[in-house]
């Protein structure tokens, strides 16, 4: 579906405005797709993001502040997210013995297993990205990086 049809807008000030609106619209669409995919696993996209960050450090623990820095959505309430993941036994939390103000997080075996299950089923979600070629994906990433710099 063309952007004009999706947002019921026929004209744009210029192609830059249209491109930015397209990025925002597509971002929202991708977020909804991800949330819908993760719902049966009892996860939200930010919770999934935290688990993936912690899996990347496994078997080491990671300071809460480092998790926050690596989040895709840095406006997420990481403390609340961690509490939910603790309740589900997907992460553990401990005080750093060298710095008692620093909280360290680690993914549990249950969290790793959940990610293995999610990863196996994620192929269907990722099929959306196969609508563009590797070269197009590389170019899109280059353009988005350029926009942020």
Foldseek 3Di string as FASTA:
>chain_A
DDPCVVVVHDDDPDVVRVVVVVVVVVVVVLLVLQQVLCVVLVDHVQLVLLLVVQVVVPPDWAWLVVSLVRGPPNVDPSVVSVVVCVVVVQKDWDADPVHRVIIIMHGDPVNVVSVVVSVVVCPVVCVVVVVDDPVVVVVVVVVVVVVVD
